[in-house]
């Protein structure tokens, strides 16, 4: 009986602690790059160097500094807001041509992981 109780308590504890662990999906880099390419993101952005728009490394650093996250990145990609370009001019950011939450989340996580 004591062994059965020990297993029950241990199992319950492990189950409870597993629920506390953060669940982060692995970023699918190939899918993120494909979606970015399909939407011409690389026309204005590069991973490491600034083009017409800031590099993804610069974007990730800005989001980290301002404590912004995935939801903020997705909003930026889906609402076509006015953005200031590297040369100081402004234009509307292109709206990503997908509404699939998994695709948007993966792209945002990939950009923010740079």
C-alpha atoms as a PDB file:
ATOM      1  CA  UNK A   1       0.000   0.000   0.000  1.00  0.00           C
ATOM      2  CA  UNK A   2       2.861   2.379   0.841  1.00  0.00           C
ATOM      3  CA  UNK A   3       4.460   1.768  -2.583  1.00  0.00           C
ATOM      4  CA  UNK A   4       1.181   2.455  -4.361  1.00  0.00           C
ATOM      5  CA  UNK A   5       0.764   5.738  -2.470  1.00  0.00           C
ATOM      6  CA  UNK A   6       4.352   6.753  -3.256  1.00  0.00           C
ATOM      7  CA  UNK A   7       3.814   6.115  -6.977  1.00  0.00           C
ATOM      8  CA  UNK A   8       0.546   8.043  -6.897  1.00  0.00           C
ATOM      9  CA  UNK A   9       2.113  11.055  -5.162  1.00  0.00           C
ATOM     10  CA  UNK A  10       5.202  10.998  -7.378  1.00  0.00           C
ATOM     11  CA  UNK A  11       3.139  10.673 -10.544  1.00  0.00           C
ATOM     12  CA  UNK A  12       0.850  13.523  -9.502  1.00  0.00           C
ATOM     13  CA  UNK A  13       3.819  15.741  -8.689  1.00  0.00           C
ATOM     14  CA  UNK A  14       5.506  15.053 -12.026  1.00  0.00           C
ATOM     15  CA  UNK A  15       2.256  15.711 -13.875  1.00  0.00           C
ATOM     16  CA  UNK A  16       1.774  19.016 -12.017  1.00  0.00           C
ATOM     17  CA  UNK A  17       5.348  20.150 -12.652  1.00  0.00           C
ATOM     18  CA  UNK A  18       5.112  19.257 -16.335  1.00  0.00           C
ATOM     19  CA  UNK A  19       2.238  21.728 -16.606  1.00  0.00           C
ATOM     20  CA  UNK A  20       4.496  24.503 -15.304  1.00  0.00           C
ATOM     21  CA  UNK A  21       7.162  24.040 -17.965  1.00  0.00           C
ATOM     22  CA  UNK A  22       6.896  26.507 -20.850  1.00  0.00           C
ATOM     23  CA  UNK A  23       5.882  24.938 -24.112  1.00  0.00           C
ATOM     24  CA  UNK A  24       7.752  26.470 -27.031  1.00  0.00           C
ATOM     25  CA  UNK A  25       7.357  25.073 -30.479  1.00  0.00           C
ATOM     26  CA  UNK A  26      10.536  24.582 -32.422  1.00  0.00           C
ATOM     27  CA  UNK A  27      10.925  27.284 -35.059  1.00  0.00           C
ATOM     28  CA  UNK A  28      10.781  25.900 -38.585  1.00  0.00           C
ATOM     29  CA  UNK A  29      13.442  28.089 -40.181  1.00  0.00           C
ATOM     30  CA  UNK A  30      12.868  26.755 -43.702  1.00  0.00           C
ATOM     31  CA  UNK A  31       9.125  27.472 -43.522  1.00  0.00           C
ATOM     32  CA  UNK A  32       9.729  30.955 -42.086  1.00  0.00           C
ATOM     33  CA  UNK A  33      12.224  31.821 -44.824  1.00  0.00           C
ATOM     34  CA  UNK A  34       9.871  30.446 -47.482  1.00  0.00           C
ATOM     35  CA  UNK A  35       6.982  32.584 -46.198  1.00  0.00           C
ATOM     36  CA  UNK A  36       9.243  35.643 -46.031  1.00  0.00           C
ATOM     37  CA  UNK A  37      10.465  34.987 -49.571  1.00  0.00           C
ATOM     38  CA  UNK A  38       6.906  34.427 -50.860  1.00  0.00           C
ATOM     39  CA  UNK A  39       5.906  37.811 -49.399  1.00  0.00           C
ATOM     40  CA  UNK A  40       8.992  39.656 -50.731  1.00  0.00           C
ATOM     41  CA  UNK A  41      10.225  40.423 -47.191  1.00  0.00           C
ATOM     42  CA  UNK A  42      13.836  39.985 -48.325  1.00  0.00           C
ATOM     43  CA  UNK A  43      13.341  42.856 -50.763  1.00  0.00           C
ATOM     44  CA  UNK A  44      13.555  45.255 -47.805  1.00  0.00           C
ATOM     45  CA  UNK A  45      15.049  43.080 -45.017  1.00  0.00           C
ATOM     46  CA  UNK A  46      18.090  40.867 -44.620  1.00  0.00           C
ATOM     47  CA  UNK A  47      19.019  38.722 -41.646  1.00  0.00           C
ATOM     48  CA  UNK A  48      22.222  40.565 -40.752  1.00  0.00           C
ATOM     49  CA  UNK A  49      22.435  43.784 -42.772  1.00  0.00           C
ATOM     50  CA  UNK A  50      20.094  46.711 -43.236  1.00  0.00           C
ATOM     51  CA  UNK A  51      18.587  47.275 -46.651  1.00  0.00           C
ATOM     52  CA  UNK A  52      15.583  49.501 -47.302  1.00  0.00           C
ATOM     53  CA  UNK A  53      14.321  48.252 -43.930  1.00  0.00           C
ATOM     54  CA  UNK A  54      16.218  47.153 -40.818  1.00  0.00           C
ATOM     55  CA  UNK A  55      17.885  43.753 -40.590  1.00  0.00           C
ATOM     56  CA  UNK A  56      16.081  41.000 -38.710  1.00  0.00           C
ATOM     57  CA  UNK A  57      18.887  41.090 -36.123  1.00  0.00           C
ATOM     58  CA  UNK A  58      18.183  44.808 -35.563  1.00  0.00           C
ATOM     59  CA  UNK A  59      14.430  44.140 -35.359  1.00  0.00           C
ATOM     60  CA  UNK A  60      14.954  41.329 -32.821  1.00  0.00           C
ATOM     61  CA  UNK A  61      17.209  43.568 -30.698  1.00  0.00           C
ATOM     62  CA  UNK A  62      14.626  46.393 -30.767  1.00  0.00           C
ATOM     63  CA  UNK A  63      11.799  44.057 -29.752  1.00  0.00           C
ATOM     64  CA  UNK A  64      13.907  42.631 -26.926  1.00  0.00           C
ATOM     65  CA  UNK A  65      14.903  46.104 -25.700  1.00  0.00           C
ATOM     66  CA  UNK A  66      11.303  47.353 -25.734  1.00  0.00           C
ATOM     67  CA  UNK A  67      10.024  44.069 -24.247  1.00  0.00           C
ATOM     68  CA  UNK A  68       7.815  43.424 -27.259  1.00  0.00           C
ATOM     69  CA  UNK A  69       6.984  39.906 -28.354  1.00  0.00           C
ATOM     70  CA  UNK A  70       5.444  37.616 -30.907  1.00  0.00           C
ATOM     71  CA  UNK A  71       1.995  39.249 -30.806  1.00  0.00           C
ATOM     72  CA  UNK A  72       3.560  42.644 -31.518  1.00  0.00           C
ATOM     73  CA  UNK A  73       5.558  41.237 -34.436  1.00  0.00           C
ATOM     74  CA  UNK A  74       2.467  39.586 -35.907  1.00  0.00           C
ATOM     75  CA  UNK A  75       0.515  42.842 -35.581  1.00  0.00           C
ATOM     76  CA  UNK A  76       3.321  44.632 -37.449  1.00  0.00           C
ATOM     77  CA  UNK A  77       3.215  42.044 -40.240  1.00  0.00           C
ATOM     78  CA  UNK A  78      -0.588  41.924 -40.632  1.00  0.00           C
ATOM     79  CA  UNK A  79      -1.867  45.491 -40.221  1.00  0.00           C
ATOM     80  CA  UNK A  80       0.250  47.361 -42.821  1.00  0.00           C
ATOM     81  CA  UNK A  81       1.266  50.207 -40.471  1.00  0.00           C
ATOM     82  CA  UNK A  82       3.372  53.189 -41.523  1.00  0.00           C
ATOM     83  CA  UNK A  83       7.056  52.416 -40.965  1.00  0.00           C
ATOM     84  CA  UNK A  84      10.142  54.593 -41.025  1.00  0.00           C
ATOM     85  CA  UNK A  85      12.739  53.263 -43.444  1.00  0.00           C
ATOM     86  CA  UNK A  86      16.499  53.327 -43.028  1.00  0.00           C
ATOM     87  CA  UNK A  87      16.754  56.448 -45.251  1.00  0.00           C
ATOM     88  CA  UNK A  88      14.238  58.320 -43.053  1.00  0.00           C
ATOM     89  CA  UNK A  89      11.272  58.108 -45.421  1.00  0.00           C
ATOM     90  CA  UNK A  90       7.982  56.498 -44.442  1.00  0.00           C
ATOM     91  CA  UNK A  91       5.709  54.036 -46.200  1.00  0.00           C
ATOM     92  CA  UNK A  92       3.090  51.436 -45.339  1.00  0.00           C
ATOM     93  CA  UNK A  93       4.578  48.092 -44.360  1.00  0.00           C
ATOM     94  CA  UNK A  94       3.488  45.280 -46.672  1.00  0.00           C
ATOM     95  CA  UNK A  95       0.773  43.039 -45.242  1.00  0.00           C
ATOM     96  CA  UNK A  96       1.758  39.336 -45.030  1.00  0.00           C
ATOM     97  CA  UNK A  97      -0.457  37.255 -47.316  1.00  0.00           C
ATOM     98  CA  UNK A  98      -1.434  34.592 -44.797  1.00  0.00           C
ATOM     99  CA  UNK A  99      -3.767  34.486 -41.820  1.00  0.00           C
ATOM    100  CA  UNK A 100      -2.660  31.038 -40.670  1.00  0.00           C
ATOM    101  CA  UNK A 101      -1.798  31.577 -36.990  1.00  0.00           C
ATOM    102  CA  UNK A 102       0.842  28.838 -37.052  1.00  0.00           C
ATOM    103  CA  UNK A 103       2.626  30.348 -40.055  1.00  0.00           C
ATOM    104  CA  UNK A 104       2.504  33.849 -38.575  1.00  0.00           C
ATOM    105  CA  UNK A 105       3.725  32.605 -35.198  1.00  0.00           C
ATOM    106  CA  UNK A 106       6.575  30.663 -36.788  1.00  0.00           C
ATOM    107  CA  UNK A 107       7.685  33.662 -38.871  1.00  0.00           C
ATOM    108  CA  UNK A 108       7.515  36.014 -35.880  1.00  0.00           C
ATOM    109  CA  UNK A 109       9.459  33.587 -33.674  1.00  0.00           C
ATOM    110  CA  UNK A 110      12.077  33.142 -36.373  1.00  0.00           C
ATOM    111  CA  UNK A 111      12.549  36.900 -36.811  1.00  0.00           C
ATOM    112  CA  UNK A 112      12.711  37.464 -33.059  1.00  0.00           C
ATOM    113  CA  UNK A 113      15.254  34.656 -32.649  1.00  0.00           C
ATOM    114  CA  UNK A 114      17.823  36.426 -34.826  1.00  0.00           C
END
